[in-house]
């Protein structure tokens, strides 16, 4: 929400209690079962796999190359964000 007087974002009044309720539900048996079933969906597996590949690429670039080469590598990414 945005405050109409100062244009700053303000938290929703129930945000903290909702956060606690979500955490409690996720730790319940029903929430754990839902989480496990969600993780087994093919589209979720594919997203997680792509994320892990990108993370490994980024970590190896950060570890193995100096700053100047990193900038050149960032410029060679294709439309999917994958290094060629």
Protein backbone atom coordinates (compact mmCIF):
# COMPACT_ATOMS: atom_id res chain seq x y z
CA UNK A 1 0.00 0.00 0.00
CA UNK A 2 1.07 3.58 -0.60
CA UNK A 3 0.38 6.31 1.91
CA UNK A 4 -1.78 9.00 0.28
CA UNK A 5 -0.10 11.74 2.30
CA UNK A 6 3.62 11.01 1.86
CA UNK A 7 3.68 8.60 -1.16
CA UNK A 8 5.76 6.06 0.78
CA UNK A 9 4.99 2.36 0.85
CA UNK A 10 3.52 1.18 4.12
CA UNK A 11 3.05 -2.44 5.20
CA UNK A 12 -0.43 -3.88 5.23
CA UNK A 13 -1.83 -3.89 8.78
CA UNK A 14 -2.19 -7.69 8.78
CA UNK A 15 1.10 -8.48 7.00
CA UNK A 16 2.90 -9.85 10.06
CA UNK A 17 0.05 -12.11 11.17
CA UNK A 18 -0.40 -13.42 7.61
CA UNK A 19 3.32 -14.17 7.44
CA UNK A 20 3.14 -16.11 10.71
CA UNK A 21 0.04 -18.00 9.53
CA UNK A 22 1.72 -18.96 6.23
CA UNK A 23 4.80 -20.17 8.07
CA UNK A 24 2.67 -22.21 10.49
CA UNK A 25 0.68 -23.73 7.59
CA UNK A 26 3.83 -24.61 5.61
CA UNK A 27 5.17 -26.49 8.64
CA UNK A 28 1.92 -28.42 9.14
CA UNK A 29 1.54 -31.92 7.62
CA UNK A 30 -0.92 -30.59 5.03
CA UNK A 31 1.43 -27.76 4.07
CA UNK A 32 4.41 -30.11 3.81
CA UNK A 33 2.41 -32.46 1.57
CA UNK A 34 1.38 -29.56 -0.66
CA UNK A 35 4.97 -28.31 -0.86
CA UNK A 36 6.24 -31.76 -1.83
CA UNK A 37 3.54 -32.19 -4.50
CA UNK A 38 4.28 -28.71 -5.87
CA UNK A 39 7.98 -29.51 -6.13
CA UNK A 40 7.19 -32.62 -8.20
CA UNK A 41 5.38 -30.68 -10.94
CA UNK A 42 7.28 -30.80 -14.26
CA UNK A 43 7.19 -27.03 -14.83
CA UNK A 44 8.53 -26.39 -11.32
CA UNK A 45 11.31 -28.94 -11.80
CA UNK A 46 12.25 -27.27 -15.09
CA UNK A 47 12.34 -23.79 -13.50
CA UNK A 48 14.45 -25.06 -10.60
CA UNK A 49 16.84 -26.81 -13.01
CA UNK A 50 17.24 -23.66 -15.13
CA UNK A 51 17.79 -21.55 -12.00
CA UNK A 52 20.49 -23.93 -10.74
CA UNK A 53 22.26 -23.92 -14.13
CA UNK A 54 22.26 -20.11 -14.19
CA UNK A 55 23.54 -19.98 -10.59
CA UNK A 56 26.41 -22.36 -11.40
CA UNK A 57 27.34 -20.31 -14.48
CA UNK A 58 27.29 -17.07 -12.48
CA UNK A 59 29.36 -18.52 -9.64
CA UNK A 60 31.97 -19.92 -12.04
CA UNK A 61 32.23 -16.58 -13.86
CA UNK A 62 32.59 -14.69 -10.57
CA UNK A 63 35.25 -17.12 -9.39
CA UNK A 64 37.31 -17.63 -12.56
CA UNK A 65 37.38 -14.33 -14.45
CA UNK A 66 38.66 -10.81 -13.75
CA UNK A 67 36.25 -7.83 -13.86
CA UNK A 68 37.02 -6.80 -17.46
CA UNK A 69 36.26 -10.26 -18.85
CA UNK A 70 33.06 -10.46 -16.78
CA UNK A 71 31.71 -7.36 -18.55
CA UNK A 72 32.47 -8.89 -21.96
CA UNK A 73 30.73 -12.15 -20.99
CA UNK A 74 27.62 -10.27 -19.82
CA UNK A 75 27.39 -8.63 -23.25
CA UNK A 76 27.43 -12.02 -25.04
CA UNK A 77 24.25 -13.36 -23.41
CA UNK A 78 21.47 -14.38 -25.75
CA UNK A 79 17.78 -13.54 -25.35
CA UNK A 80 17.30 -16.23 -22.66
CA UNK A 81 20.12 -14.86 -20.54
CA UNK A 82 22.35 -17.87 -21.20
CA UNK A 83 26.04 -17.31 -21.89
CA UNK A 84 26.99 -18.43 -25.38
